[in-house]
Amino acid sequence: MRADLTIAGVFVFAAAWLPAVVIGASGGSGCDGQSCRDAFDSLPIPVLGPVIAAAQAHNMGWYVWPWSLAQAGGVAMLVAGLIGHDVPADPDKSTVTIMPTASPHAAGFVLHARF
């Protein structure tokens, strides 16, 4: 298990899902029609809730898609952290890396060597 990825996944998912739960709990108090209230009821569903809400209430715009993607990213990080494993690096191995670099005033290559 990778604790760092698991913890990051929990925080990313919670940061995207908890506002959906709070907004969904309002029950669509500012809505005029039943379809709008139904859309607010589906918001607390993890990952698919914002997409379902956008399909039910046509006045919800494109901004619900990143909300759903953030929840899916958090779940993916959580799962990868729970089933993932660290690949040990060989500390005695020497490496030489050549990387391209660019800046407003210069361009070229950087040589990174470890012995």
PDB file of N, CA and C in Angstrom:
ATOM      1  N   MET A   1       0.834  -1.179   0.000  1.00  0.00           N
ATOM      2  CA  MET A   1       0.000   0.000   0.000  1.00  0.00           C
ATOM      3  C   MET A   1       0.880   1.244   0.000  1.00  0.00           C
ATOM      4  N   ARG A   2       0.480   2.226  -0.785  1.00  0.00           N
ATOM      5  CA  ARG A   2       1.192   3.502  -0.815  1.00  0.00           C
ATOM      6  C   ARG A   2       0.377   4.527  -0.049  1.00  0.00           C
ATOM      7  N   ALA A   3       0.822   4.838   1.150  1.00  0.00           N
ATOM      8  CA  ALA A   3       0.068   5.721   2.034  1.00  0.00           C
ATOM      9  C   ALA A   3      -0.055   7.131   1.466  1.00  0.00           C
ATOM     10  N   ASP A   4       0.996   7.629   0.805  1.00  0.00           N
ATOM     11  CA  ASP A   4       0.946   8.990   0.278  1.00  0.00           C
ATOM     12  C   ASP A   4      -0.122   9.140  -0.799  1.00  0.00           C
ATOM     13  N   LEU A   5      -0.204   8.182  -1.695  1.00  0.00           N
ATOM     14  CA  LEU A   5      -1.203   8.238  -2.760  1.00  0.00           C
ATOM     15  C   LEU A   5      -2.610   7.988  -2.223  1.00  0.00           C
ATOM     16  N   THR A   6      -2.720   7.125  -1.230  1.00  0.00           N
ATOM     17  CA  THR A   6      -4.020   6.856  -0.610  1.00  0.00           C
ATOM     18  C   THR A   6      -4.547   8.101   0.098  1.00  0.00           C
ATOM     19  N   ILE A   7      -3.712   8.759   0.866  1.00  0.00           N
ATOM     20  CA  ILE A   7      -4.130   9.963   1.590  1.00  0.00           C
ATOM     21  C   ILE A   7      -4.476  11.085   0.609  1.00  0.00           C
ATOM     22  N   ALA A   8      -3.673  11.250  -0.430  1.00  0.00           N
ATOM     23  CA  ALA A   8      -3.965  12.277  -1.432  1.00  0.00           C
ATOM     24  C   ALA A   8      -5.285  11.988  -2.137  1.00  0.00           C
ATOM     25  N   GLY A   9      -5.552  10.725  -2.438  1.00  0.00           N
ATOM     26  CA  GLY A   9      -6.818  10.358  -3.069  1.00  0.00           C
ATOM     27  C   GLY A   9      -8.013  10.660  -2.193  1.00  0.00           C
ATOM     28  N   VAL A  10      -7.878  10.396  -0.892  1.00  0.00           N
ATOM     29  CA  VAL A  10      -8.967  10.697   0.049  1.00  0.00           C
ATOM     30  C   VAL A  10      -9.220  12.201   0.091  1.00  0.00           C
ATOM     31  N   PHE A  11      -8.166  12.998   0.148  1.00  0.00           N
ATOM     32  CA  PHE A  11      -8.339  14.445   0.219  1.00  0.00           C
ATOM     33  C   PHE A  11      -8.917  15.015  -1.083  1.00  0.00           C
ATOM     34  N   VAL A  12      -8.454  14.545  -2.220  1.00  0.00           N
ATOM     35  CA  VAL A  12      -8.990  15.043  -3.493  1.00  0.00           C
ATOM     36  C   VAL A  12     -10.461  14.664  -3.636  1.00  0.00           C
ATOM     37  N   PHE A  13     -10.802  13.421  -3.315  1.00  0.00           N
ATOM     38  CA  PHE A  13     -12.196  13.000  -3.411  1.00  0.00           C
ATOM     39  C   PHE A  13     -13.069  13.778  -2.441  1.00  0.00           C
ATOM     40  N   ALA A  14     -12.605  13.935  -1.210  1.00  0.00           N
ATOM     41  CA  ALA A  14     -13.399  14.661  -0.208  1.00  0.00           C
ATOM     42  C   ALA A  14     -13.578  16.118  -0.590  1.00  0.00           C
ATOM     43  N   ALA A  15     -12.546  16.732  -1.145  1.00  0.00           N
ATOM     44  CA  ALA A  15     -12.645  18.139  -1.546  1.00  0.00           C
ATOM     45  C   ALA A  15     -13.639  18.332  -2.682  1.00  0.00           C
ATOM     46  N   ALA A  16     -13.822  17.328  -3.515  1.00  0.00           N
ATOM     47  CA  ALA A  16     -14.773  17.436  -4.617  1.00  0.00           C
ATOM     48  C   ALA A  16     -16.154  16.923  -4.240  1.00  0.00           C
ATOM     49  N   TRP A  17     -16.239  15.953  -3.334  1.00  0.00           N
ATOM     50  CA  TRP A  17     -17.525  15.321  -3.035  1.00  0.00           C
ATOM     51  C   TRP A  17     -18.291  16.039  -1.930  1.00  0.00           C
ATOM     52  N   LEU A  18     -17.610  16.517  -0.898  1.00  0.00           N
ATOM     53  CA  LEU A  18     -18.311  17.157   0.219  1.00  0.00           C
ATOM     54  C   LEU A  18     -19.109  18.398  -0.188  1.00  0.00           C
ATOM     55  N   PRO A  19     -18.606  19.257  -1.074  1.00  0.00           N
ATOM     56  CA  PRO A  19     -19.468  20.351  -1.536  1.00  0.00           C
ATOM     57  C   PRO A  19     -20.710  19.852  -2.281  1.00  0.00           C
ATOM     58  N   ALA A  20     -20.576  18.754  -3.007  1.00  0.00           N
ATOM     59  CA  ALA A  20     -21.738  18.190  -3.695  1.00  0.00           C
ATOM     60  C   ALA A  20     -22.774  17.694  -2.700  1.00  0.00           C
ATOM     61  N   VAL A  21     -22.312  17.120  -1.603  1.00  0.00           N
ATOM     62  CA  VAL A  21     -23.230  16.651  -0.564  1.00  0.00           C
ATOM     63  C   VAL A  21     -23.940  17.832   0.090  1.00  0.00           C
ATOM     64  N   VAL A  22     -23.194  18.884   0.381  1.00  0.00           N
ATOM     65  CA  VAL A  22     -23.786  20.059   1.025  1.00  0.00           C
ATOM     66  C   VAL A  22     -24.796  20.733   0.093  1.00  0.00           C
ATOM     67  N   ILE A  23     -24.430  20.909  -1.165  1.00  0.00           N
ATOM     68  CA  ILE A  23     -25.345  21.534  -2.123  1.00  0.00           C
ATOM     69  C   ILE A  23     -26.542  20.632  -2.382  1.00  0.00           C
ATOM     70  N   GLY A  24     -26.303  19.320  -2.477  1.00  0.00           N
ATOM     71  CA  GLY A  24     -27.412  18.386  -2.673  1.00  0.00           C
ATOM     72  C   GLY A  24     -28.349  18.343  -1.480  1.00  0.00           C
ATOM     73  N   ALA A  25     -27.821  18.571  -0.279  1.00  0.00           N
ATOM     74  CA  ALA A  25     -28.660  18.560   0.919  1.00  0.00           C
ATOM     75  C   ALA A  25     -29.597  19.755   0.972  1.00  0.00           C
ATOM     76  N   SER A  26     -29.264  20.807   0.225  1.00  0.00           N
ATOM     77  CA  SER A  26     -30.166  21.962   0.200  1.00  0.00           C
ATOM     78  C   SER A  26     -31.476  21.618  -0.488  1.00  0.00           C
ATOM     79  N   GLY A  27     -31.469  20.533  -1.270  1.00  0.00           N
ATOM     80  CA  GLY A  27     -32.704  20.060  -1.888  1.00  0.00           C
ATOM     81  C   GLY A  27     -33.220  20.936  -3.003  1.00  0.00           C
ATOM     82  N   GLY A  28     -32.393  21.782  -3.536  1.00  0.00           N
ATOM     83  CA  GLY A  28     -32.841  22.639  -4.628  1.00  0.00           C
ATOM     84  C   GLY A  28     -33.813  23.697  -4.156  1.00  0.00           C
ATOM     85  N   SER A  29     -33.505  24.329  -3.046  1.00  0.00           N
ATOM     86  CA  SER A  29     -34.422  25.307  -2.466  1.00  0.00           C
ATOM     87  C   SER A  29     -34.666  26.500  -3.384  1.00  0.00           C
ATOM     88  N   GLY A  30     -33.752  26.796  -4.283  1.00  0.00           N
ATOM     89  CA  GLY A  30     -33.945  27.915  -5.201  1.00  0.00           C
ATOM     90  C   GLY A  30     -34.505  27.499  -6.545  1.00  0.00           C
ATOM     91  N   CYS A  31     -34.954  26.245  -6.657  1.00  0.00           N
ATOM     92  CA  CYS A  31     -35.432  25.725  -7.942  1.00  0.00           C
ATOM     93  C   CYS A  31     -36.909  26.051  -8.162  1.00  0.00           C
ATOM     94  N   ASP A  32     -37.269  26.178  -9.436  1.00  0.00           N
ATOM     95  CA  ASP A  32     -38.657  26.427  -9.791  1.00  0.00           C
ATOM     96  C   ASP A  32     -39.410  25.138 -10.125  1.00  0.00           C
ATOM     97  N   GLY A  33     -38.730  24.172 -10.744  1.00  0.00           N
ATOM     98  CA  GLY A  33     -39.402  22.963 -11.201  1.00  0.00           C
ATOM     99  C   GLY A  33     -38.929  21.713 -10.496  1.00  0.00           C
ATOM    100  N   GLN A  34     -39.662  20.634 -10.719  1.00  0.00           N
ATOM    101  CA  GLN A  34     -39.326  19.347 -10.106  1.00  0.00           C
ATOM    102  C   GLN A  34     -38.037  18.769 -10.674  1.00  0.00           C
ATOM    103  N   SER A  35     -37.771  18.984 -11.969  1.00  0.00           N
ATOM    104  CA  SER A  35     -36.544  18.435 -12.558  1.00  0.00           C
ATOM    105  C   SER A  35     -35.303  19.058 -11.923  1.00  0.00           C
ATOM    106  N   CYS A  36     -35.397  20.316 -11.574  1.00  0.00           N
ATOM    107  CA  CYS A  36     -34.272  20.973 -10.900  1.00  0.00           C
ATOM    108  C   CYS A  36     -34.065  20.386  -9.512  1.00  0.00           C
ATOM    109  N   ARG A  37     -35.151  20.143  -8.778  1.00  0.00           N
ATOM    110  CA  ARG A  37     -35.026  19.544  -7.445  1.00  0.00           C
ATOM    111  C   ARG A  37     -34.488  18.115  -7.535  1.00  0.00           C
ATOM    112  N   ASP A  38     -34.902  17.366  -8.555  1.00  0.00           N
ATOM    113  CA  ASP A  38     -34.376  16.016  -8.753  1.00  0.00           C
ATOM    114  C   ASP A  38     -32.885  16.049  -9.056  1.00  0.00           C
ATOM    115  N   ALA A  39     -32.460  17.057  -9.796  1.00  0.00           N
ATOM    116  CA  ALA A  39     -31.035  17.192 -10.107  1.00  0.00           C
ATOM    117  C   ALA A  39     -30.228  17.414  -8.831  1.00  0.00           C
ATOM    118  N   PHE A  40     -30.733  18.232  -7.921  1.00  0.00           N
ATOM    119  CA  PHE A  40     -30.031  18.461  -6.665  1.00  0.00           C
ATOM    120  C   PHE A  40     -30.013  17.202  -5.805  1.00  0.00           C
ATOM    121  N   ASP A  41     -31.030  16.373  -5.909  1.00  0.00           N
ATOM    122  CA  ASP A  41     -31.047  15.125  -5.144  1.00  0.00           C
ATOM    123  C   ASP A  41     -29.985  14.141  -5.621  1.00  0.00           C
ATOM    124  N   SER A  42     -29.597  14.225  -6.890  1.00  0.00           N
ATOM    125  CA  SER A  42     -28.608  13.276  -7.415  1.00  0.00           C
ATOM    126  C   SER A  42     -27.166  13.749  -7.223  1.00  0.00           C
ATOM    127  N   LEU A  43     -26.946  14.986  -6.818  1.00  0.00           N
ATOM    128  CA  LEU A  43     -25.577  15.493  -6.643  1.00  0.00           C
ATOM    129  C   LEU A  43     -24.726  14.691  -5.660  1.00  0.00           C
ATOM    130  N   PRO A  44     -25.262  14.192  -4.522  1.00  0.00           N
ATOM    131  CA  PRO A  44     -24.402  13.468  -3.583  1.00  0.00           C
ATOM    132  C   PRO A  44     -23.921  12.095  -4.069  1.00  0.00           C
ATOM    133  N   ILE A  45     -24.425  11.612  -5.196  1.00  0.00           N
ATOM    134  CA  ILE A  45     -23.951  10.336  -5.719  1.00  0.00           C
ATOM    135  C   ILE A  45     -22.498  10.517  -6.165  1.00  0.00           C
ATOM    136  N   PRO A  46     -21.578   9.719  -5.634  1.00  0.00           N
ATOM    137  CA  PRO A  46     -20.163   9.896  -5.985  1.00  0.00           C
ATOM    138  C   PRO A  46     -19.913   9.686  -7.478  1.00  0.00           C
ATOM    139  N   VAL A  47     -19.087  10.486  -8.061  1.00  0.00           N
ATOM    140  CA  VAL A  47     -18.573  10.490  -9.420  1.00  0.00           C
ATOM    141  C   VAL A  47     -19.661  10.780 -10.463  1.00  0.00           C
ATOM    142  N   LEU A  48     -20.734  10.043 -10.483  1.00  0.00           N
ATOM    143  CA  LEU A  48     -21.758  10.231 -11.507  1.00  0.00           C
ATOM    144  C   LEU A  48     -22.828  11.243 -11.134  1.00  0.00           C
ATOM    145  N   GLY A  49     -22.902  11.656  -9.882  1.00  0.00           N
ATOM    146  CA  GLY A  49     -23.935  12.571  -9.433  1.00  0.00           C
ATOM    147  C   GLY A  49     -23.970  13.884 -10.203  1.00  0.00           C
ATOM    148  N   PRO A  50     -22.847  14.583 -10.355  1.00  0.00           N
ATOM    149  CA  PRO A  50     -22.879  15.825 -11.116  1.00  0.00           C
ATOM    150  C   PRO A  50     -23.282  15.629 -12.582  1.00  0.00           C
ATOM    151  N   VAL A  51     -22.886  14.509 -13.177  1.00  0.00           N
ATOM    152  CA  VAL A  51     -23.255  14.239 -14.565  1.00  0.00           C
ATOM    153  C   VAL A  51     -24.754  13.986 -14.675  1.00  0.00           C
ATOM    154  N   ILE A  52     -25.307  13.224 -13.743  1.00  0.00           N
ATOM    155  CA  ILE A  52     -26.755  12.971 -13.725  1.00  0.00           C
ATOM    156  C   ILE A  52     -27.508  14.280 -13.500  1.00  0.00           C
ATOM    157  N   ALA A  53     -27.003  15.102 -12.601  1.00  0.00           N
ATOM    158  CA  ALA A  53     -27.654  16.388 -12.325  1.00  0.00           C
ATOM    159  C   ALA A  53     -27.647  17.277 -13.564  1.00  0.00           C
ATOM    160  N   ALA A  54     -26.553  17.291 -14.304  1.00  0.00           N
ATOM    161  CA  ALA A  54     -26.488  18.095 -15.525  1.00  0.00           C
ATOM    162  C   ALA A  54     -27.450  17.579 -16.578  1.00  0.00           C
ATOM    163  N   ALA A  55     -27.654  16.277 -16.624  1.00  0.00           N
ATOM    164  CA  ALA A  55     -28.593  15.709 -17.600  1.00  0.00           C
ATOM    165  C   ALA A  55     -30.039  16.000 -17.207  1.00  0.00           C
ATOM    166  N   GLN A  56     -30.326  16.041 -15.917  1.00  0.00           N
ATOM    167  CA  GLN A  56     -31.700  16.272 -15.470  1.00  0.00           C
ATOM    168  C   GLN A  56     -32.088  17.742 -15.527  1.00  0.00           C
ATOM    169  N   ALA A  57     -31.214  18.618 -15.145  1.00  0.00           N
ATOM    170  CA  ALA A  57     -31.506  20.055 -15.161  1.00  0.00           C
ATOM    171  C   ALA A  57     -30.655  20.694 -16.245  1.00  0.00           C
ATOM    172  N   HIS A  58     -31.276  21.175 -17.261  1.00  0.00           N
ATOM    173  CA  HIS A  58     -30.538  21.696 -18.411  1.00  0.00           C
ATOM    174  C   HIS A  58     -29.892  23.049 -18.144  1.00  0.00           C
ATOM    175  N   ASN A  59     -30.233  23.690 -17.021  1.00  0.00           N
ATOM    176  CA  ASN A  59     -29.607  24.973 -16.725  1.00  0.00           C
ATOM    177  C   ASN A  59     -28.252  24.827 -16.032  1.00  0.00           C
ATOM    178  N   MET A  60     -27.847  23.601 -15.674  1.00  0.00           N
ATOM    179  CA  MET A  60     -26.503  23.380 -15.147  1.00  0.00           C
ATOM    180  C   MET A  60     -25.559  23.305 -16.340  1.00  0.00           C
ATOM    181  N   GLY A  61     -24.512  24.047 -16.287  1.00  0.00           N
ATOM    182  CA  GLY A  61     -23.626  24.153 -17.442  1.00  0.00           C
ATOM    183  C   GLY A  61     -22.520  23.120 -17.454  1.00  0.00           C
ATOM    184  N   TRP A  62     -21.464  23.472 -18.139  1.00  0.00           N
ATOM    185  CA  TRP A  62     -20.322  22.589 -18.336  1.00  0.00           C
ATOM    186  C   TRP A  62     -19.516  22.410 -17.070  1.00  0.00           C
ATOM    187  N   TYR A  63     -19.701  23.257 -16.065  1.00  0.00           N
ATOM    188  CA  TYR A  63     -18.853  23.250 -14.880  1.00  0.00           C
ATOM    189  C   TYR A  63     -19.046  22.025 -13.998  1.00  0.00           C
ATOM    190  N   VAL A  64     -20.078  21.226 -14.231  1.00  0.00           N
ATOM    191  CA  VAL A  64     -20.248  20.017 -13.425  1.00  0.00           C
ATOM    192  C   VAL A  64     -19.326  18.899 -13.895  1.00  0.00           C
ATOM    193  N   TRP A  65     -18.851  18.952 -15.130  1.00  0.00           N
ATOM    194  CA  TRP A  65     -17.963  17.902 -15.637  1.00  0.00           C
ATOM    195  C   TRP A  65     -16.626  17.883 -14.905  1.00  0.00           C
ATOM    196  N   PRO A  66     -15.952  19.019 -14.700  1.00  0.00           N
ATOM    197  CA  PRO A  66     -14.710  18.967 -13.911  1.00  0.00           C
ATOM    198  C   PRO A  66     -14.952  18.506 -12.475  1.00  0.00           C
ATOM    199  N   TRP A  67     -16.107  18.803 -11.946  1.00  0.00           N
ATOM    200  CA  TRP A  67     -16.465  18.371 -10.603  1.00  0.00           C
ATOM    201  C   TRP A  67     -16.493  16.852 -10.541  1.00  0.00           C
ATOM    202  N   SER A  68     -17.120  16.237 -11.526  1.00  0.00           N
ATOM    203  CA  SER A  68     -17.192  14.784 -11.600  1.00  0.00           C
ATOM    204  C   SER A  68     -15.808  14.179 -11.872  1.00  0.00           C
ATOM    205  N   LEU A  69     -15.030  14.827 -12.732  1.00  0.00           N
ATOM    206  CA  LEU A  69     -13.681  14.327 -13.026  1.00  0.00           C
ATOM    207  C   LEU A  69     -12.775  14.412 -11.796  1.00  0.00           C
ATOM    208  N   ALA A  70     -12.934  15.440 -10.981  1.00  0.00           N
ATOM    209  CA  ALA A  70     -12.140  15.549  -9.749  1.00  0.00           C
ATOM    210  C   ALA A  70     -12.489  14.415  -8.789  1.00  0.00           C
ATOM    211  N   GLN A  71     -13.769  14.087  -8.692  1.00  0.00           N
ATOM    212  CA  GLN A  71     -14.169  12.963  -7.841  1.00  0.00           C
ATOM    213  C   GLN A  71     -13.595  11.654  -8.378  1.00  0.00           C
ATOM    214  N   ALA A  72     -13.667  11.457  -9.691  1.00  0.00           N
ATOM    215  CA  ALA A  72     -13.125  10.231 -10.296  1.00  0.00           C
ATOM    216  C   ALA A  72     -11.612  10.154 -10.111  1.00  0.00           C
ATOM    217  N   GLY A  73     -10.935  11.293 -10.217  1.00  0.00           N
ATOM    218  CA  GLY A  73      -9.488  11.308  -9.990  1.00  0.00           C
ATOM    219  C   GLY A  73      -9.129  10.937  -8.564  1.00  0.00           C
ATOM    220  N   GLY A  74      -9.902  11.428  -7.609  1.00  0.00           N
ATOM    221  CA  GLY A  74      -9.674  11.067  -6.210  1.00  0.00           C
ATOM    222  C   GLY A  74      -9.878   9.590  -5.964  1.00  0.00           C
ATOM    223  N   VAL A  75     -10.921   9.026  -6.567  1.00  0.00           N
ATOM    224  CA  VAL A  75     -11.168   7.584  -6.420  1.00  0.00           C
ATOM    225  C   VAL A  75     -10.040   6.790  -7.066  1.00  0.00           C
ATOM    226  N   ALA A  76      -9.588   7.223  -8.243  1.00  0.00           N
ATOM    227  CA  ALA A  76      -8.491   6.519  -8.920  1.00  0.00           C
ATOM    228  C   ALA A  76      -7.207   6.559  -8.103  1.00  0.00           C
ATOM    229  N   MET A  77      -6.904   7.711  -7.513  1.00  0.00           N
ATOM    230  CA  MET A  77      -5.715   7.811  -6.666  1.00  0.00           C
ATOM    231  C   MET A  77      -5.844   6.938  -5.429  1.00  0.00           C
ATOM    232  N   LEU A  78      -7.037   6.896  -4.850  1.00  0.00           N
ATOM    233  CA  LEU A  78      -7.277   6.070  -3.674  1.00  0.00           C
ATOM    234  C   LEU A  78      -7.080   4.594  -3.999  1.00  0.00           C
ATOM    235  N   VAL A  79      -7.659   4.138  -5.096  1.00  0.00           N
ATOM    236  CA  VAL A  79      -7.527   2.730  -5.494  1.00  0.00           C
ATOM    237  C   VAL A  79      -6.076   2.400  -5.824  1.00  0.00           C
ATOM    238  N   ALA A  80      -5.416   3.284  -6.575  1.00  0.00           N
ATOM    239  CA  ALA A  80      -4.011   3.040  -6.916  1.00  0.00           C
ATOM    240  C   ALA A  80      -3.139   3.007  -5.666  1.00  0.00           C
ATOM    241  N   GLY A  81      -3.464   3.834  -4.691  1.00  0.00           N
ATOM    242  CA  GLY A  81      -2.699   3.827  -3.446  1.00  0.00           C
ATOM    243  C   GLY A  81      -2.931   2.575  -2.628  1.00  0.00           C
ATOM    244  N   LEU A  82      -4.164   2.052  -2.661  1.00  0.00           N
ATOM    245  CA  LEU A  82      -4.464   0.851  -1.879  1.00  0.00           C
ATOM    246  C   LEU A  82      -3.867  -0.411  -2.497  1.00  0.00           C
ATOM    247  N   ILE A  83      -3.832  -0.494  -3.831  1.00  0.00           N
ATOM    248  CA  ILE A  83      -3.319  -1.719  -4.456  1.00  0.00           C
ATOM    249  C   ILE A  83      -1.916  -1.556  -5.025  1.00  0.00           C
ATOM    250  N   GLY A  84      -1.412  -0.314  -5.047  1.00  0.00           N
ATOM    251  CA  GLY A  84      -0.109  -0.049  -5.645  1.00  0.00           C
ATOM    252  C   GLY A  84       1.034  -0.518  -4.775  1.00  0.00           C
ATOM    253  N   HIS A  85       2.206  -0.465  -5.347  1.00  0.00           N
ATOM    254  CA  HIS A  85       3.407  -0.823  -4.611  1.00  0.00           C
ATOM    255  C   HIS A  85       4.544   0.086  -5.066  1.00  0.00           C
ATOM    256  N   ASP A  86       5.477   0.298  -4.189  1.00  0.00           N
ATOM    257  CA  ASP A  86       6.644   1.108  -4.515  1.00  0.00           C
ATOM    258  C   ASP A  86       7.642   0.266  -5.289  1.00  0.00           C
ATOM    259  N   VAL A  87       8.258   0.892  -6.258  1.00  0.00           N
ATOM    260  CA  VAL A  87       9.335   0.241  -6.996  1.00  0.00           C
ATOM    261  C   VAL A  87      10.635   0.746  -6.388  1.00  0.00           C
ATOM    262  N   PRO A  88      11.398  -0.146  -5.785  1.00  0.00           N
ATOM    263  CA  PRO A  88      12.618   0.313  -5.120  1.00  0.00           C
ATOM    264  C   PRO A  88      13.654   0.809  -6.136  1.00  0.00           C
ATOM    265  N   ALA A  89      14.280   1.897  -5.816  1.00  0.00           N
ATOM    266  CA  ALA A  89      15.349   2.431  -6.656  1.00  0.00           C
ATOM    267  C   ALA A  89      16.673   1.830  -6.195  1.00  0.00           C
ATOM    268  N   ASP A  90      17.551   1.620  -7.120  1.00  0.00           N
ATOM    269  CA  ASP A  90      18.870   1.094  -6.797  1.00  0.00           C
ATOM    270  C   ASP A  90      19.764   2.270  -6.410  1.00  0.00           C
ATOM    271  N   PRO A  91      20.051   2.428  -5.108  1.00  0.00           N
ATOM    272  CA  PRO A  91      20.808   3.608  -4.680  1.00  0.00           C
ATOM    273  C   PRO A  91      22.258   3.594  -5.147  1.00  0.00           C
ATOM    274  N   ASP A  92      22.789   2.445  -5.530  1.00  0.00           N
ATOM    275  CA  ASP A  92      24.185   2.364  -5.940  1.00  0.00           C
ATOM    276  C   ASP A  92      24.370   2.561  -7.436  1.00  0.00           C
ATOM    277  N   LYS A  93      23.297   2.725  -8.155  1.00  0.00           N
ATOM    278  CA  LYS A  93      23.388   2.830  -9.605  1.00  0.00           C
ATOM    279  C   LYS A  93      23.697   4.267 -10.013  1.00  0.00           C
ATOM    280  N   SER A  94      24.699   4.423 -10.855  1.00  0.00           N
ATOM    281  CA  SER A  94      25.045   5.731 -11.387  1.00  0.00           C
ATOM    282  C   SER A  94      24.154   6.021 -12.593  1.00  0.00           C
ATOM    283  N   THR A  95      23.717   7.258 -12.714  1.00  0.00           N
ATOM    284  CA  THR A  95      22.875   7.640 -13.846  1.00  0.00           C
ATOM    285  C   THR A  95      23.378   8.932 -14.449  1.00  0.00           C
ATOM    286  N   VAL A  96      23.165   9.064 -15.737  1.00  0.00           N
ATOM    287  CA  VAL A  96      23.455  10.293 -16.463  1.00  0.00           C
ATOM    288  C   VAL A  96      22.225  10.592 -17.300  1.00  0.00           C
ATOM    289  N   THR A  97      21.695  11.797 -17.159  1.00  0.00           N
ATOM    290  CA  THR A  97      20.502  12.186 -17.883  1.00  0.00           C
ATOM    291  C   THR A  97      20.766  13.502 -18.594  1.00  0.00           C
ATOM    292  N   ILE A  98      20.370  13.558 -19.860  1.00  0.00           N
ATOM    293  CA  ILE A  98      20.455  14.794 -20.627  1.00  0.00           C
ATOM    294  C   ILE A  98      19.028  15.245 -20.899  1.00  0.00           C
ATOM    295  N   MET A  99      18.701  16.463 -20.439  1.00  0.00           N
ATOM    296  CA  MET A  99      17.339  16.970 -20.572  1.00  0.00           C
ATOM    297  C   MET A  99      17.353  18.273 -21.360  1.00  0.00           C
ATOM    298  N   PRO A 100      16.404  18.424 -22.295  1.00  0.00           N
ATOM    299  CA  PRO A 100      16.317  19.709 -22.989  1.00  0.00           C
ATOM    300  C   PRO A 100      15.744  20.771 -22.049  1.00  0.00           C
ATOM    301  N   THR A 101      16.150  21.991 -22.256  1.00  0.00           N
ATOM    302  CA  THR A 101      15.646  23.094 -21.439  1.00  0.00           C
ATOM    303  C   THR A 101      15.405  24.306 -22.328  1.00  0.00           C
ATOM    304  N   ALA A 102      14.452  25.127 -21.903  1.00  0.00           N
ATOM    305  CA  ALA A 102      14.159  26.348 -22.643  1.00  0.00           C
ATOM    306  C   ALA A 102      13.729  27.415 -21.651  1.00  0.00           C
ATOM    307  N   SER A 103      14.135  28.630 -21.930  1.00  0.00           N
ATOM    308  CA  SER A 103      13.730  29.770 -21.126  1.00  0.00           C
ATOM    309  C   SER A 103      13.568  30.949 -22.085  1.00  0.00           C
ATOM    310  N   PRO A 104      13.065  32.069 -21.620  1.00  0.00           N
ATOM    311  CA  PRO A 104      12.901  33.213 -22.525  1.00  0.00           C
ATOM    312  C   PRO A 104      14.220  33.730 -23.097  1.00  0.00           C
ATOM    313  N   HIS A 105      15.336  33.450 -22.422  1.00  0.00           N
ATOM    314  CA  HIS A 105      16.610  34.007 -22.864  1.00  0.00           C
ATOM    315  C   HIS A 105      17.607  32.969 -23.369  1.00  0.00           C
ATOM    316  N   ALA A 106      17.308  31.701 -23.206  1.00  0.00           N
ATOM    317  CA  ALA A 106      18.268  30.692 -23.626  1.00  0.00           C
ATOM    318  C   ALA A 106      17.563  29.357 -23.846  1.00  0.00           C
ATOM    319  N   ALA A 107      18.191  28.509 -24.617  1.00  0.00           N
ATOM    320  CA  ALA A 107      17.710  27.154 -24.827  1.00  0.00           C
ATOM    321  C   ALA A 107      18.923  26.249 -24.921  1.00  0.00           C
ATOM    322  N   GLY A 108      18.746  24.995 -24.580  1.00  0.00           N
ATOM    323  CA  GLY A 108      19.870  24.078 -24.639  1.00  0.00           C
ATOM    324  C   GLY A 108      19.564  22.788 -23.920  1.00  0.00           C
ATOM    325  N   PHE A 109      20.600  22.200 -23.341  1.00  0.00           N
ATOM    326  CA  PHE A 109      20.468  20.940 -22.644  1.00  0.00           C
ATOM    327  C   PHE A 109      21.062  21.049 -21.249  1.00  0.00           C
ATOM    328  N   VAL A 110      20.544  20.238 -20.348  1.00  0.00           N
ATOM    329  CA  VAL A 110      21.061  20.158 -18.981  1.00  0.00           C
ATOM    330  C   VAL A 110      21.574  18.749 -18.772  1.00  0.00           C
ATOM    331  N   LEU A 111      22.749  18.623 -18.235  1.00  0.00           N
ATOM    332  CA  LEU A 111      23.337  17.334 -17.938  1.00  0.00           C
ATOM    333  C   LEU A 111      23.178  17.085 -16.445  1.00  0.00           C
ATOM    334  N   HIS A 112      22.500  16.016 -16.103  1.00  0.00           N
ATOM    335  CA  HIS A 112      22.286  15.640 -14.704  1.00  0.00           C
ATOM    336  C   HIS A 112      22.954  14.297 -14.500  1.00  0.00           C
ATOM    337  N   ALA A 113      23.959  14.257 -13.647  1.00  0.00           N
ATOM    338  CA  ALA A 113      24.694  13.015 -13.419  1.00  0.00           C
ATOM    339  C   ALA A 113      24.715  12.698 -11.936  1.00  0.00           C
ATOM    340  N   ARG A 114      24.575  11.400 -11.629  1.00  0.00           N
ATOM    341  CA  ARG A 114      24.655  10.941 -10.243  1.00  0.00           C
ATOM    342  C   ARG A 114      25.662   9.798 -10.194  1.00  0.00           C
ATOM    343  N   PHE A 115      26.616   9.898  -9.271  1.00  0.00           N
ATOM    344  CA  PHE A 115      27.652   8.870  -9.181  1.00  0.00           C
ATOM    345  C   PHE A 115      27.600   8.191  -7.838  1.00  0.00           C
TER     346      PHE A 115
END
